[in-house]
Amino acid sequence: MIEAVVFDFDGLIRDTETFEFYSFQEVFRVHGIELPLELYCKRIGGHMNAFDPYSYLQESIGRPINREELRILRRQKYDMLIKNVKERPGVANYLKSAKKLGLKIGLASSAPYDWVMPNLEELNLVGYFDCIRTHEDVKNVKPDPELYLNVLDYFGVNSHNAIAFEDSPNGAKAATAAEMHTVIVPNELTKDLVFDNFTIRLNSMLELELEQLIESLNSQ
């Protein structure tokens, strides 16, 4: 019996990941360098230090770079790209349905709290979550299961009675390691990446109502 749903944030609720990548691409192209997705994707859904774009850029151009100046430029480009981007299709419906069904609703993100919360506030989604866990709450972020286990422990819910929603391979690994039902909803950036283990794959949350999804999982 499903008692809880736990959402990732970046790339799943709001497609920040795709536009972060695009903003890095724009900065790289100013220097005549292409940023390979296969390298960048190491940091998607996991620890940002798994791949350092600025170190890669410096190595590629063969001379020192002003990191702080590039960080400011990159963030300016990102802010322009994300300006009119809301939550991904179907996310609000899933949150409303989960609340209506009386499910516990959690969020487990490898990103910092001061990144996640302003985004949720901008989207007017904060009030849906009963538990929010971010980078600062654990020793190990995804693909380690600690974030998910932390949320489940707070809820007092068995992992087999909870669904994790993820968009990245690192996130899916964390959820499956926590032994949760793992529903992946890849975004534009992650749709062609290799996912090792998951329960169900959706192209969009509009593809299947939450009630139908839960009914399917409960019958398994």
N, C-alpha and C. Protein backbone atom coordinates (compact mmCIF):
# COMPACT_ATOMS: atom_id res chain seq x y z
N MET A 1 0.85 -1.20 0.00
CA MET A 1 0.00 0.00 0.00
C MET A 1 0.88 1.26 0.00
N ILE A 2 0.68 2.11 -0.97
CA ILE A 2 1.49 3.33 -1.08
C ILE A 2 1.04 4.35 -0.03
N GLU A 3 2.00 4.80 0.79
CA GLU A 3 1.71 5.77 1.84
C GLU A 3 2.40 7.11 1.62
N ALA A 4 3.45 7.12 0.80
CA ALA A 4 4.22 8.35 0.62
C ALA A 4 4.76 8.47 -0.80
N VAL A 5 4.92 9.72 -1.22
CA VAL A 5 5.58 10.01 -2.50
C VAL A 5 6.70 11.00 -2.20
N VAL A 6 7.86 10.77 -2.83
CA VAL A 6 9.02 11.63 -2.60
C VAL A 6 9.56 12.09 -3.94
N PHE A 7 9.67 13.40 -4.10
CA PHE A 7 10.09 13.99 -5.36
C PHE A 7 11.53 14.49 -5.29
N ASP A 8 12.25 14.29 -6.37
CA ASP A 8 13.50 15.00 -6.60
C ASP A 8 13.11 16.44 -6.94
N PHE A 9 14.08 17.36 -7.01
CA PHE A 9 13.73 18.71 -7.44
C PHE A 9 14.27 19.05 -8.82
N ASP A 10 15.60 19.27 -8.91
CA ASP A 10 16.18 19.74 -10.17
C ASP A 10 15.93 18.77 -11.31
N GLY A 11 15.33 19.29 -12.37
CA GLY A 11 15.08 18.48 -13.56
C GLY A 11 13.80 17.68 -13.50
N LEU A 12 13.25 17.51 -12.29
CA LEU A 12 12.03 16.72 -12.11
C LEU A 12 10.83 17.62 -11.87
N ILE A 13 10.94 18.50 -10.89
CA ILE A 13 9.86 19.45 -10.63
C ILE A 13 9.99 20.66 -11.56
N ARG A 14 11.17 21.22 -11.65
CA ARG A 14 11.46 22.31 -12.58
C ARG A 14 12.70 21.91 -13.39
N ASP A 15 12.67 22.12 -14.68
CA ASP A 15 13.79 21.63 -15.49
C ASP A 15 14.98 22.58 -15.45
N THR A 16 15.49 22.80 -14.26
CA THR A 16 16.68 23.63 -14.08
C THR A 16 17.90 23.02 -14.75
N GLU A 17 17.98 21.68 -14.76
CA GLU A 17 19.17 21.00 -15.27
C GLU A 17 19.44 21.31 -16.74
N THR A 18 18.39 21.26 -17.54
CA THR A 18 18.57 21.52 -18.97
C THR A 18 19.09 22.93 -19.20
N PHE A 19 18.53 23.90 -18.47
CA PHE A 19 18.93 25.29 -18.70
C PHE A 19 20.27 25.63 -18.06
N GLU A 20 20.64 24.90 -17.02
CA GLU A 20 21.99 25.04 -16.46
C GLU A 20 23.00 24.59 -17.51
N PHE A 21 22.73 23.45 -18.13
CA PHE A 21 23.62 22.93 -19.18
C PHE A 21 23.71 23.91 -20.34
N TYR A 22 22.57 24.43 -20.78
CA TYR A 22 22.57 25.40 -21.88
C TYR A 22 23.39 26.64 -21.53
N SER A 23 23.29 27.09 -20.28
CA SER A 23 24.03 28.29 -19.88
C SER A 23 25.54 28.03 -19.87
N PHE A 24 25.93 26.84 -19.43
CA PHE A 24 27.34 26.46 -19.48
C PHE A 24 27.81 26.36 -20.93
N GLN A 25 26.96 25.79 -21.79
CA GLN A 25 27.31 25.69 -23.21
C GLN A 25 27.59 27.07 -23.81
N GLU A 26 26.76 28.03 -23.48
CA GLU A 26 26.94 29.39 -24.01
C GLU A 26 28.27 29.99 -23.55
N VAL A 27 28.62 29.79 -22.29
CA VAL A 27 29.89 30.30 -21.78
C VAL A 27 31.05 29.62 -22.49
N PHE A 28 30.96 28.32 -22.68
CA PHE A 28 32.02 27.57 -23.34
C PHE A 28 32.21 28.03 -24.79
N ARG A 29 31.10 28.29 -25.47
CA ARG A 29 31.17 28.67 -26.88
C ARG A 29 31.83 30.02 -27.08
N VAL A 30 31.73 30.89 -26.07
CA VAL A 30 32.44 32.17 -26.12
C VAL A 30 33.93 31.94 -26.26
N HIS A 31 34.40 30.81 -25.70
CA HIS A 31 35.82 30.46 -25.76
C HIS A 31 36.12 29.45 -26.87
N GLY A 32 35.11 29.18 -27.72
CA GLY A 32 35.32 28.27 -28.84
C GLY A 32 35.42 26.82 -28.44
N ILE A 33 34.82 26.46 -27.30
CA ILE A 33 34.89 25.09 -26.78
C ILE A 33 33.47 24.52 -26.65
N GLU A 34 33.33 23.23 -26.99
CA GLU A 34 32.06 22.54 -26.80
C GLU A 34 32.09 21.78 -25.48
N LEU A 35 30.99 21.78 -24.76
CA LEU A 35 30.88 21.06 -23.50
C LEU A 35 30.17 19.73 -23.74
N PRO A 36 30.88 18.61 -23.62
CA PRO A 36 30.27 17.30 -23.89
C PRO A 36 29.25 16.89 -22.82
N LEU A 37 28.07 16.51 -23.24
CA LEU A 37 27.02 16.09 -22.31
C LEU A 37 27.46 14.87 -21.51
N GLU A 38 28.20 13.95 -22.15
CA GLU A 38 28.59 12.72 -21.46
C GLU A 38 29.49 12.99 -20.26
N LEU A 39 30.21 14.11 -20.28
CA LEU A 39 31.02 14.50 -19.12
C LEU A 39 30.17 15.27 -18.12
N TYR A 40 29.40 16.21 -18.63
CA TYR A 40 28.57 17.05 -17.76
C TYR A 40 27.56 16.22 -16.97
N CYS A 41 27.04 15.15 -17.59
CA CYS A 41 25.98 14.38 -16.95
C CYS A 41 26.43 13.68 -15.67
N LYS A 42 27.73 13.61 -15.43
CA LYS A 42 28.22 12.99 -14.19
C LYS A 42 27.72 13.75 -12.97
N ARG A 43 27.49 15.06 -13.12
CA ARG A 43 27.05 15.87 -11.98
C ARG A 43 25.53 15.98 -11.87
N ILE A 44 24.81 15.51 -12.88
CA ILE A 44 23.36 15.64 -12.88
C ILE A 44 22.73 14.72 -11.84
N GLY A 45 22.00 15.30 -10.92
CA GLY A 45 21.30 14.51 -9.92
C GLY A 45 22.18 14.06 -8.77
N GLY A 46 23.47 14.38 -8.82
CA GLY A 46 24.38 13.95 -7.76
C GLY A 46 25.19 15.11 -7.21
N HIS A 47 26.45 14.83 -6.87
CA HIS A 47 27.30 15.87 -6.30
C HIS A 47 27.89 16.73 -7.41
N MET A 48 27.82 18.05 -7.25
CA MET A 48 28.33 18.97 -8.26
C MET A 48 29.81 18.77 -8.52
N ASN A 49 30.56 18.27 -7.52
CA ASN A 49 31.99 18.07 -7.69
C ASN A 49 32.34 16.84 -8.52
N ALA A 50 31.32 16.07 -8.93
CA ALA A 50 31.57 14.90 -9.76
C ALA A 50 32.16 15.31 -11.11
N PHE A 51 31.88 16.53 -11.53
CA PHE A 51 32.49 17.09 -12.74
C PHE A 51 32.51 18.60 -12.61
N ASP A 52 33.68 19.19 -12.80
CA ASP A 52 33.85 20.64 -12.67
C ASP A 52 33.99 21.26 -14.06
N PRO A 53 32.92 21.89 -14.56
CA PRO A 53 32.98 22.49 -15.90
C PRO A 53 34.09 23.53 -16.04
N TYR A 54 34.35 24.29 -14.99
CA TYR A 54 35.35 25.36 -15.09
C TYR A 54 36.76 24.78 -15.22
N SER A 55 37.04 23.70 -14.52
CA SER A 55 38.35 23.04 -14.65
C SER A 55 38.50 22.48 -16.06
N TYR A 56 37.41 21.90 -16.57
CA TYR A 56 37.44 21.34 -17.93
C TYR A 56 37.69 22.45 -18.96
N LEU A 57 37.03 23.59 -18.77
CA LEU A 57 37.22 24.71 -19.69
C LEU A 57 38.67 25.20 -19.65
N GLN A 58 39.21 25.33 -18.45
CA GLN A 58 40.59 25.81 -18.31
C GLN A 58 41.57 24.86 -18.97
N GLU A 59 41.36 23.56 -18.77
CA GLU A 59 42.22 22.56 -19.40
C GLU A 59 42.09 22.61 -20.92
N SER A 60 40.88 22.83 -21.41
CA SER A 60 40.63 22.83 -22.85
C SER A 60 41.26 24.01 -23.56
N ILE A 61 41.26 25.20 -22.93
CA ILE A 61 41.83 26.38 -23.58
C ILE A 61 43.32 26.55 -23.24
N GLY A 62 43.78 25.80 -22.25
CA GLY A 62 45.21 25.79 -21.93
C GLY A 62 45.75 27.05 -21.28
N ARG A 63 44.88 27.78 -20.59
CA ARG A 63 45.33 28.98 -19.87
C ARG A 63 44.39 29.24 -18.70
N PRO A 64 44.84 29.98 -17.69
CA PRO A 64 44.00 30.25 -16.52
C PRO A 64 42.75 31.03 -16.90
N ILE A 65 41.68 30.80 -16.15
CA ILE A 65 40.43 31.52 -16.35
C ILE A 65 40.05 32.25 -15.06
N ASN A 66 39.25 33.27 -15.20
CA ASN A 66 38.73 33.97 -14.03
C ASN A 66 37.41 33.30 -13.65
N ARG A 67 37.46 32.37 -12.70
CA ARG A 67 36.29 31.57 -12.35
C ARG A 67 35.12 32.43 -11.85
N GLU A 68 35.41 33.38 -11.01
CA GLU A 68 34.34 34.18 -10.44
C GLU A 68 33.62 34.99 -11.51
N GLU A 69 34.39 35.53 -12.43
CA GLU A 69 33.81 36.30 -13.54
C GLU A 69 32.93 35.40 -14.41
N LEU A 70 33.40 34.17 -14.66
CA LEU A 70 32.64 33.24 -15.48
C LEU A 70 31.40 32.72 -14.75
N ARG A 71 31.50 32.56 -13.43
CA ARG A 71 30.33 32.14 -12.65
C ARG A 71 29.23 33.19 -12.74
N ILE A 72 29.61 34.45 -12.65
CA ILE A 72 28.63 35.54 -12.74
C ILE A 72 27.99 35.56 -14.12
N LEU A 73 28.83 35.43 -15.15
CA LEU A 73 28.33 35.42 -16.53
C LEU A 73 27.41 34.23 -16.77
N ARG A 74 27.82 33.06 -16.29
CA ARG A 74 27.03 31.85 -16.46
C ARG A 74 25.68 31.98 -15.77
N ARG A 75 25.67 32.53 -14.56
CA ARG A 75 24.42 32.70 -13.81
C ARG A 75 23.50 33.70 -14.50
N GLN A 76 24.08 34.75 -15.08
CA GLN A 76 23.27 35.72 -15.81
C GLN A 76 22.57 35.05 -17.01
N LYS A 77 23.32 34.21 -17.70
CA LYS A 77 22.76 33.51 -18.85
C LYS A 77 21.66 32.54 -18.40
N TYR A 78 21.92 31.84 -17.28
CA TYR A 78 20.92 30.91 -16.74
C TYR A 78 19.64 31.65 -16.35
N ASP A 79 19.79 32.76 -15.64
CA ASP A 79 18.62 33.52 -15.19
C ASP A 79 17.76 33.97 -16.36
N MET A 80 18.39 34.32 -17.47
CA MET A 80 17.64 34.72 -18.66
C MET A 80 16.89 33.52 -19.26
N LEU A 81 17.56 32.36 -19.29
CA LEU A 81 16.97 31.17 -19.89
C LEU A 81 15.81 30.61 -19.08
N ILE A 82 15.93 30.67 -17.74
CA ILE A 82 14.94 30.05 -16.86
C ILE A 82 13.78 30.98 -16.53
N LYS A 83 13.91 32.25 -16.92
CA LYS A 83 12.99 33.31 -16.50
C LYS A 83 11.51 32.94 -16.59
N ASN A 84 11.09 32.36 -17.68
CA ASN A 84 9.67 32.06 -17.86
C ASN A 84 9.35 30.57 -17.76
N VAL A 85 10.29 29.80 -17.19
CA VAL A 85 10.10 28.35 -17.07
C VAL A 85 9.43 28.01 -15.74
N LYS A 86 8.29 27.37 -15.80
CA LYS A 86 7.55 26.98 -14.60
C LYS A 86 7.85 25.52 -14.28
N GLU A 87 6.98 24.90 -13.45
CA GLU A 87 7.17 23.48 -13.16
C GLU A 87 6.90 22.65 -14.40
N ARG A 88 7.45 21.45 -14.42
CA ARG A 88 7.24 20.57 -15.57
C ARG A 88 5.78 20.13 -15.65
N PRO A 89 5.30 19.80 -16.84
CA PRO A 89 3.90 19.42 -17.03
C PRO A 89 3.48 18.26 -16.11
N GLY A 90 2.36 18.43 -15.45
CA GLY A 90 1.80 17.37 -14.62
C GLY A 90 2.26 17.38 -13.17
N VAL A 91 3.32 18.11 -12.87
CA VAL A 91 3.85 18.12 -11.50
C VAL A 91 2.80 18.63 -10.50
N ALA A 92 2.20 19.77 -10.81
CA ALA A 92 1.20 20.34 -9.90
C ALA A 92 0.03 19.39 -9.71
N ASN A 93 -0.38 18.72 -10.77
CA ASN A 93 -1.48 17.76 -10.68
C ASN A 93 -1.12 16.60 -9.74
N TYR A 94 0.12 16.11 -9.84
CA TYR A 94 0.55 15.00 -8.99
C TYR A 94 0.57 15.44 -7.52
N LEU A 95 1.05 16.65 -7.26
CA LEU A 95 1.10 17.14 -5.89
C LEU A 95 -0.31 17.31 -5.32
N LYS A 96 -1.21 17.86 -6.13
CA LYS A 96 -2.60 18.04 -5.69
C LYS A 96 -3.26 16.70 -5.42
N SER A 97 -3.00 15.73 -6.30
CA SER A 97 -3.60 14.40 -6.14
C SER A 97 -3.05 13.71 -4.90
N ALA A 98 -1.75 13.84 -4.67
CA ALA A 98 -1.13 13.22 -3.49
C ALA A 98 -1.72 13.79 -2.21
N LYS A 99 -1.93 15.10 -2.20
CA LYS A 99 -2.53 15.76 -1.03
C LYS A 99 -3.98 15.27 -0.84
N LYS A 100 -4.71 15.18 -1.93
CA LYS A 100 -6.11 14.74 -1.88
C LYS A 100 -6.22 13.30 -1.38
N LEU A 101 -5.23 12.47 -1.74
CA LEU A 101 -5.24 11.07 -1.35
C LEU A 101 -4.73 10.86 0.09
N GLY A 102 -4.27 11.93 0.71
CA GLY A 102 -3.77 11.83 2.07
C GLY A 102 -2.40 11.22 2.20
N LEU A 103 -1.62 11.26 1.12
CA LEU A 103 -0.27 10.69 1.14
C LEU A 103 0.70 11.67 1.79
N LYS A 104 1.73 11.14 2.40
CA LYS A 104 2.82 11.97 2.88
C LYS A 104 3.64 12.39 1.66
N ILE A 105 4.01 13.67 1.60
CA ILE A 105 4.72 14.19 0.42
C ILE A 105 6.08 14.73 0.84
N GLY A 106 7.13 14.17 0.26
CA GLY A 106 8.48 14.58 0.59
C GLY A 106 9.27 15.05 -0.61
N LEU A 107 10.38 15.70 -0.33
CA LEU A 107 11.30 16.14 -1.38
C LEU A 107 12.71 15.76 -0.94
N ALA A 108 13.47 15.16 -1.84
CA ALA A 108 14.85 14.74 -1.55
C ALA A 108 15.75 15.23 -2.67
N SER A 109 16.57 16.24 -2.38
CA SER A 109 17.39 16.86 -3.41
C SER A 109 18.86 16.93 -2.99
N SER A 110 19.74 16.64 -3.93
CA SER A 110 21.19 16.76 -3.69
C SER A 110 21.63 18.22 -3.68
N ALA A 111 20.78 19.11 -4.12
CA ALA A 111 21.11 20.53 -4.20
C ALA A 111 21.02 21.19 -2.82
N PRO A 112 21.63 22.36 -2.66
CA PRO A 112 21.56 23.08 -1.38
C PRO A 112 20.14 23.61 -1.10
N TYR A 113 19.85 23.77 0.19
CA TYR A 113 18.55 24.28 0.64
C TYR A 113 18.27 25.66 0.06
N ASP A 114 19.32 26.52 0.01
CA ASP A 114 19.11 27.89 -0.46
C ASP A 114 18.98 27.98 -1.98
N TRP A 115 19.06 26.84 -2.65
CA TRP A 115 18.75 26.77 -4.08
C TRP A 115 17.33 26.23 -4.27
N VAL A 116 17.02 25.17 -3.55
CA VAL A 116 15.73 24.50 -3.70
C VAL A 116 14.57 25.39 -3.25
N MET A 117 14.70 25.99 -2.07
CA MET A 117 13.58 26.73 -1.50
C MET A 117 13.15 27.95 -2.33
N PRO A 118 14.06 28.81 -2.80
CA PRO A 118 13.61 29.94 -3.63
C PRO A 118 12.88 29.49 -4.89
N ASN A 119 13.32 28.36 -5.47
CA ASN A 119 12.64 27.83 -6.65
C ASN A 119 11.23 27.37 -6.31
N LEU A 120 11.10 26.63 -5.21
CA LEU A 120 9.78 26.16 -4.80
C LEU A 120 8.85 27.32 -4.46
N GLU A 121 9.41 28.35 -3.82
CA GLU A 121 8.61 29.53 -3.47
C GLU A 121 8.15 30.26 -4.73
N GLU A 122 9.05 30.37 -5.70
CA GLU A 122 8.69 31.03 -6.96
C GLU A 122 7.56 30.30 -7.67
N LEU A 123 7.56 28.97 -7.54
CA LEU A 123 6.55 28.15 -8.19
C LEU A 123 5.29 27.96 -7.32
N ASN A 124 5.31 28.52 -6.11
CA ASN A 124 4.20 28.39 -5.16
C ASN A 124 3.88 26.93 -4.82
N LEU A 125 4.94 26.14 -4.59
CA LEU A 125 4.76 24.71 -4.32
C LEU A 125 5.21 24.28 -2.92
N VAL A 126 5.79 25.19 -2.16
CA VAL A 126 6.35 24.83 -0.85
C VAL A 126 5.33 24.15 0.04
N GLY A 127 4.11 24.65 0.07
CA GLY A 127 3.08 24.16 0.97
C GLY A 127 2.67 22.71 0.78
N TYR A 128 3.02 22.12 -0.34
CA TYR A 128 2.64 20.73 -0.58
C TYR A 128 3.51 19.74 0.21
N PHE A 129 4.72 20.16 0.59
CA PHE A 129 5.69 19.21 1.14
C PHE A 129 5.66 19.13 2.66
N ASP A 130 5.58 17.89 3.15
CA ASP A 130 5.61 17.63 4.59
C ASP A 130 7.04 17.48 5.10
N CYS A 131 7.95 17.19 4.22
CA CYS A 131 9.35 16.99 4.59
C CYS A 131 10.24 17.35 3.40
N ILE A 132 11.22 18.22 3.63
CA ILE A 132 12.17 18.60 2.59
C ILE A 132 13.58 18.32 3.10
N ARG A 133 14.32 17.51 2.36
CA ARG A 133 15.70 17.19 2.71
C ARG A 133 16.61 17.56 1.54
N THR A 134 17.71 18.25 1.87
CA THR A 134 18.64 18.73 0.84
C THR A 134 20.08 18.38 1.21
N HIS A 135 20.98 18.87 0.41
CA HIS A 135 22.42 18.61 0.55
C HIS A 135 22.91 18.69 2.00
N GLU A 136 22.46 19.68 2.73
CA GLU A 136 22.97 19.92 4.08
C GLU A 136 22.51 18.88 5.11
N ASP A 137 21.51 18.10 4.78
CA ASP A 137 20.91 17.17 5.75
C ASP A 137 21.58 15.81 5.80
N VAL A 138 22.51 15.55 4.89
CA VAL A 138 23.12 14.22 4.81
C VAL A 138 24.63 14.30 4.60
N LYS A 139 25.31 13.20 4.88
CA LYS A 139 26.74 13.12 4.61
C LYS A 139 27.00 12.82 3.14
N ASN A 140 26.10 12.02 2.56
CA ASN A 140 26.28 11.60 1.17
C ASN A 140 25.03 11.88 0.35
N VAL A 141 25.19 12.61 -0.75
CA VAL A 141 24.06 12.88 -1.64
C VAL A 141 23.94 11.74 -2.66
N LYS A 142 22.98 11.84 -3.54
CA LYS A 142 22.76 10.82 -4.56
C LYS A 142 24.03 10.64 -5.43
N PRO A 143 24.32 9.44 -5.86
CA PRO A 143 23.47 8.24 -5.91
C PRO A 143 23.37 7.44 -4.61
N ASP A 144 23.95 7.93 -3.51
CA ASP A 144 23.75 7.30 -2.21
C ASP A 144 22.28 7.44 -1.82
N PRO A 145 21.69 6.45 -1.17
CA PRO A 145 20.26 6.51 -0.81
C PRO A 145 19.95 7.33 0.43
N GLU A 146 20.95 7.95 1.07
CA GLU A 146 20.76 8.59 2.37
C GLU A 146 19.64 9.63 2.38
N LEU A 147 19.54 10.45 1.34
CA LEU A 147 18.49 11.47 1.29
C LEU A 147 17.10 10.83 1.36
N TYR A 148 16.90 9.79 0.58
CA TYR A 148 15.60 9.13 0.57
C TYR A 148 15.32 8.44 1.90
N LEU A 149 16.33 7.77 2.45
CA LEU A 149 16.16 7.08 3.72
C LEU A 149 15.85 8.07 4.84
N ASN A 150 16.44 9.25 4.75
CA ASN A 150 16.18 10.31 5.73
C ASN A 150 14.71 10.72 5.71
N VAL A 151 14.18 10.93 4.51
CA VAL A 151 12.77 11.31 4.37
C VAL A 151 11.85 10.19 4.87
N LEU A 152 12.15 8.95 4.48
CA LEU A 152 11.32 7.82 4.89
C LEU A 152 11.34 7.63 6.40
N ASP A 153 12.51 7.84 7.00
CA ASP A 153 12.63 7.74 8.45
C ASP A 153 11.77 8.79 9.15
N TYR A 154 11.79 10.01 8.61
CA TYR A 154 10.97 11.09 9.17
C TYR A 154 9.49 10.73 9.08
N PHE A 155 9.09 10.12 7.96
CA PHE A 155 7.68 9.76 7.77
C PHE A 155 7.29 8.50 8.55
N GLY A 156 8.30 7.68 8.88
CA GLY A 156 7.99 6.39 9.50
C GLY A 156 7.34 5.44 8.52
N VAL A 157 7.76 5.53 7.25
CA VAL A 157 7.16 4.73 6.19
C VAL A 157 8.17 3.73 5.65
N ASN A 158 7.74 2.49 5.45
CA ASN A 158 8.58 1.47 4.84
C ASN A 158 8.86 1.83 3.39
N SER A 159 10.08 1.59 2.94
CA SER A 159 10.46 1.96 1.57
C SER A 159 9.58 1.31 0.51
N HIS A 160 9.07 0.11 0.80
CA HIS A 160 8.22 -0.59 -0.17
C HIS A 160 6.83 0.06 -0.30
N ASN A 161 6.55 0.99 0.61
CA ASN A 161 5.26 1.69 0.57
C ASN A 161 5.42 3.14 0.11
N ALA A 162 6.52 3.40 -0.60
CA ALA A 162 6.78 4.77 -1.05
C ALA A 162 7.24 4.79 -2.50
N ILE A 163 6.91 5.87 -3.17
CA ILE A 163 7.31 6.07 -4.56
C ILE A 163 8.30 7.23 -4.62
N ALA A 164 9.38 7.04 -5.35
CA ALA A 164 10.32 8.12 -5.64
C ALA A 164 10.16 8.54 -7.08
N PHE A 165 10.15 9.84 -7.32
CA PHE A 165 10.07 10.37 -8.68
C PHE A 165 11.41 11.01 -9.02
N GLU A 166 12.01 10.55 -10.10
CA GLU A 166 13.36 10.98 -10.48
C GLU A 166 13.47 11.25 -11.97
N ASP A 167 14.47 12.06 -12.32
CA ASP A 167 14.70 12.36 -13.73
C ASP A 167 16.09 11.98 -14.20
N SER A 168 16.99 11.57 -13.27
CA SER A 168 18.38 11.31 -13.63
C SER A 168 18.83 9.92 -13.19
N PRO A 169 19.84 9.37 -13.85
CA PRO A 169 20.38 8.07 -13.44
C PRO A 169 20.90 8.07 -12.00
N ASN A 170 21.59 9.14 -11.58
CA ASN A 170 22.08 9.21 -10.20
C ASN A 170 20.92 9.15 -9.21
N GLY A 171 19.86 9.89 -9.50
CA GLY A 171 18.70 9.90 -8.63
C GLY A 171 18.00 8.56 -8.59
N ALA A 172 17.86 7.94 -9.75
CA ALA A 172 17.21 6.62 -9.83
C ALA A 172 18.01 5.58 -9.05
N LYS A 173 19.33 5.66 -9.12
CA LYS A 173 20.18 4.73 -8.36
C LYS A 173 19.95 4.90 -6.87
N ALA A 174 19.82 6.15 -6.42
CA ALA A 174 19.58 6.42 -5.00
C ALA A 174 18.25 5.84 -4.55
N ALA A 175 17.21 6.04 -5.36
CA ALA A 175 15.87 5.57 -5.00
C ALA A 175 15.79 4.05 -4.99
N THR A 176 16.39 3.40 -5.97
CA THR A 176 16.37 1.94 -6.01
C THR A 176 17.22 1.35 -4.89
N ALA A 177 18.31 2.03 -4.54
CA ALA A 177 19.15 1.56 -3.42
C ALA A 177 18.38 1.68 -2.11
N ALA A 178 17.45 2.63 -2.04
CA ALA A 178 16.59 2.78 -0.87
C ALA A 178 15.42 1.80 -0.90
N GLU A 179 15.35 1.00 -1.97
CA GLU A 179 14.32 -0.03 -2.18
C GLU A 179 12.92 0.56 -2.30
N MET A 180 12.84 1.72 -2.95
CA MET A 180 11.54 2.36 -3.20
C MET A 180 11.05 2.01 -4.61
N HIS A 181 9.76 2.17 -4.83
CA HIS A 181 9.25 2.14 -6.20
C HIS A 181 9.83 3.37 -6.89
N THR A 182 10.49 3.18 -8.01
CA THR A 182 11.19 4.29 -8.66
C THR A 182 10.58 4.61 -10.00
N VAL A 183 9.95 5.78 -10.08
CA VAL A 183 9.32 6.24 -11.32
C VAL A 183 10.22 7.31 -11.92
N ILE A 184 10.73 7.05 -13.12
CA ILE A 184 11.60 8.04 -13.76
C ILE A 184 10.80 8.84 -14.79
N VAL A 185 11.05 10.15 -14.78
CA VAL A 185 10.42 11.06 -15.74
C VAL A 185 11.54 11.93 -16.30
N PRO A 186 12.33 11.38 -17.23
CA PRO A 186 13.47 12.12 -17.77
C PRO A 186 13.06 13.43 -18.43
N ASN A 187 13.96 14.38 -18.41
CA ASN A 187 13.72 15.66 -19.07
C ASN A 187 14.47 15.72 -20.39
N GLU A 188 14.48 16.88 -21.02
CA GLU A 188 15.12 17.04 -22.32
C GLU A 188 16.61 16.68 -22.27
N LEU A 189 17.25 16.96 -21.15
CA LEU A 189 18.68 16.71 -21.01
C LEU A 189 18.98 15.25 -20.69
N THR A 190 18.12 14.60 -19.92
CA THR A 190 18.42 13.26 -19.43
C THR A 190 17.71 12.13 -20.18
N LYS A 191 16.87 12.47 -21.15
CA LYS A 191 16.04 11.45 -21.79
C LYS A 191 16.83 10.38 -22.54
N ASP A 192 18.06 10.70 -22.97
CA ASP A 192 18.86 9.73 -23.71
C ASP A 192 19.96 9.10 -22.86
N LEU A 193 19.99 9.42 -21.57
CA LEU A 193 20.97 8.82 -20.68
C LEU A 193 20.53 7.40 -20.31
N VAL A 194 21.47 6.59 -19.86
CA VAL A 194 21.18 5.20 -19.52
C VAL A 194 20.75 5.10 -18.06
N PHE A 195 19.56 4.56 -17.84
CA PHE A 195 19.03 4.31 -16.50
C PHE A 195 19.13 2.80 -16.24
N ASP A 196 19.81 2.43 -15.16
CA ASP A 196 20.03 1.01 -14.87
C ASP A 196 18.78 0.32 -14.34
N ASN A 197 18.19 0.89 -13.29
CA ASN A 197 17.04 0.25 -12.65
C ASN A 197 15.95 1.27 -12.35
N PHE A 198 14.72 0.89 -12.63
CA PHE A 198 13.57 1.71 -12.29
C PHE A 198 12.32 0.85 -12.39
N THR A 199 11.23 1.34 -11.82
CA THR A 199 9.98 0.59 -11.83
C THR A 199 9.15 0.92 -13.06
N ILE A 200 8.96 2.21 -13.29
CA ILE A 200 8.16 2.69 -14.42
C ILE A 200 8.84 3.92 -15.02
N ARG A 201 8.78 4.05 -16.33
CA ARG A 201 9.28 5.24 -17.02
C ARG A 201 8.10 5.99 -17.64
N LEU A 202 8.04 7.29 -17.37
CA LEU A 202 7.04 8.16 -17.98
C LEU A 202 7.75 9.25 -18.77
N ASN A 203 7.19 9.62 -19.90
CA ASN A 203 7.74 10.74 -20.65
C ASN A 203 7.31 12.06 -20.01
N SER A 204 6.18 12.02 -19.33
CA SER A 204 5.63 13.19 -18.66
C SER A 204 4.64 12.72 -17.61
N MET A 205 4.45 13.51 -16.57
CA MET A 205 3.45 13.16 -15.57
C MET A 205 2.03 13.32 -16.11
N LEU A 206 1.91 13.91 -17.28
CA LEU A 206 0.60 14.00 -17.92
C LEU A 206 0.21 12.66 -18.56
N GLU A 207 1.19 11.78 -18.68
CA GLU A 207 0.98 10.50 -19.36
C GLU A 207 0.09 9.55 -18.55
N LEU A 208 0.16 9.68 -17.21
CA LEU A 208 -0.58 8.77 -16.34
C LEU A 208 -0.97 9.51 -15.06
N GLU A 209 -2.24 9.45 -14.69
CA GLU A 209 -2.69 10.09 -13.45
C GLU A 209 -2.03 9.39 -12.26
N LEU A 210 -1.79 10.13 -11.18
CA LEU A 210 -1.16 9.55 -10.00
C LEU A 210 -1.99 8.40 -9.45
N GLU A 211 -3.31 8.56 -9.44
CA GLU A 211 -4.17 7.50 -8.93
C GLU A 211 -3.98 6.20 -9.74
N GLN A 212 -3.85 6.32 -11.05
CA GLN A 212 -3.65 5.16 -11.91
C GLN A 212 -2.29 4.53 -11.66
N LEU A 213 -1.31 5.37 -11.47
CA LEU A 213 0.04 4.89 -11.19
C LEU A 213 0.07 4.09 -9.89
N ILE A 214 -0.55 4.63 -8.86
CA ILE A 214 -0.58 3.97 -7.55
C ILE A 214 -1.36 2.66 -7.63
N GLU A 215 -2.46 2.68 -8.36
CA GLU A 215 -3.26 1.46 -8.53
C GLU A 215 -2.42 0.37 -9.18
N SER A 216 -1.64 0.75 -10.17
CA SER A 216 -0.78 -0.20 -10.87
C SER A 216 0.28 -0.78 -9.94
N LEU A 217 0.89 0.08 -9.13
CA LEU A 217 1.94 -0.37 -8.19
C LEU A 217 1.35 -1.23 -7.07
N ASN A 218 0.18 -0.86 -6.58
CA ASN A 218 -0.45 -1.62 -5.50
C ASN A 218 -0.85 -3.03 -5.94
N SER A 219 -1.10 -3.17 -7.23
CA SER A 219 -1.54 -4.47 -7.74
C SER A 219 -0.37 -5.41 -8.06
N GLN A 220 0.83 -4.86 -8.04
CA GLN A 220 2.02 -5.68 -8.35
C GLN A 220 2.37 -6.59 -7.18
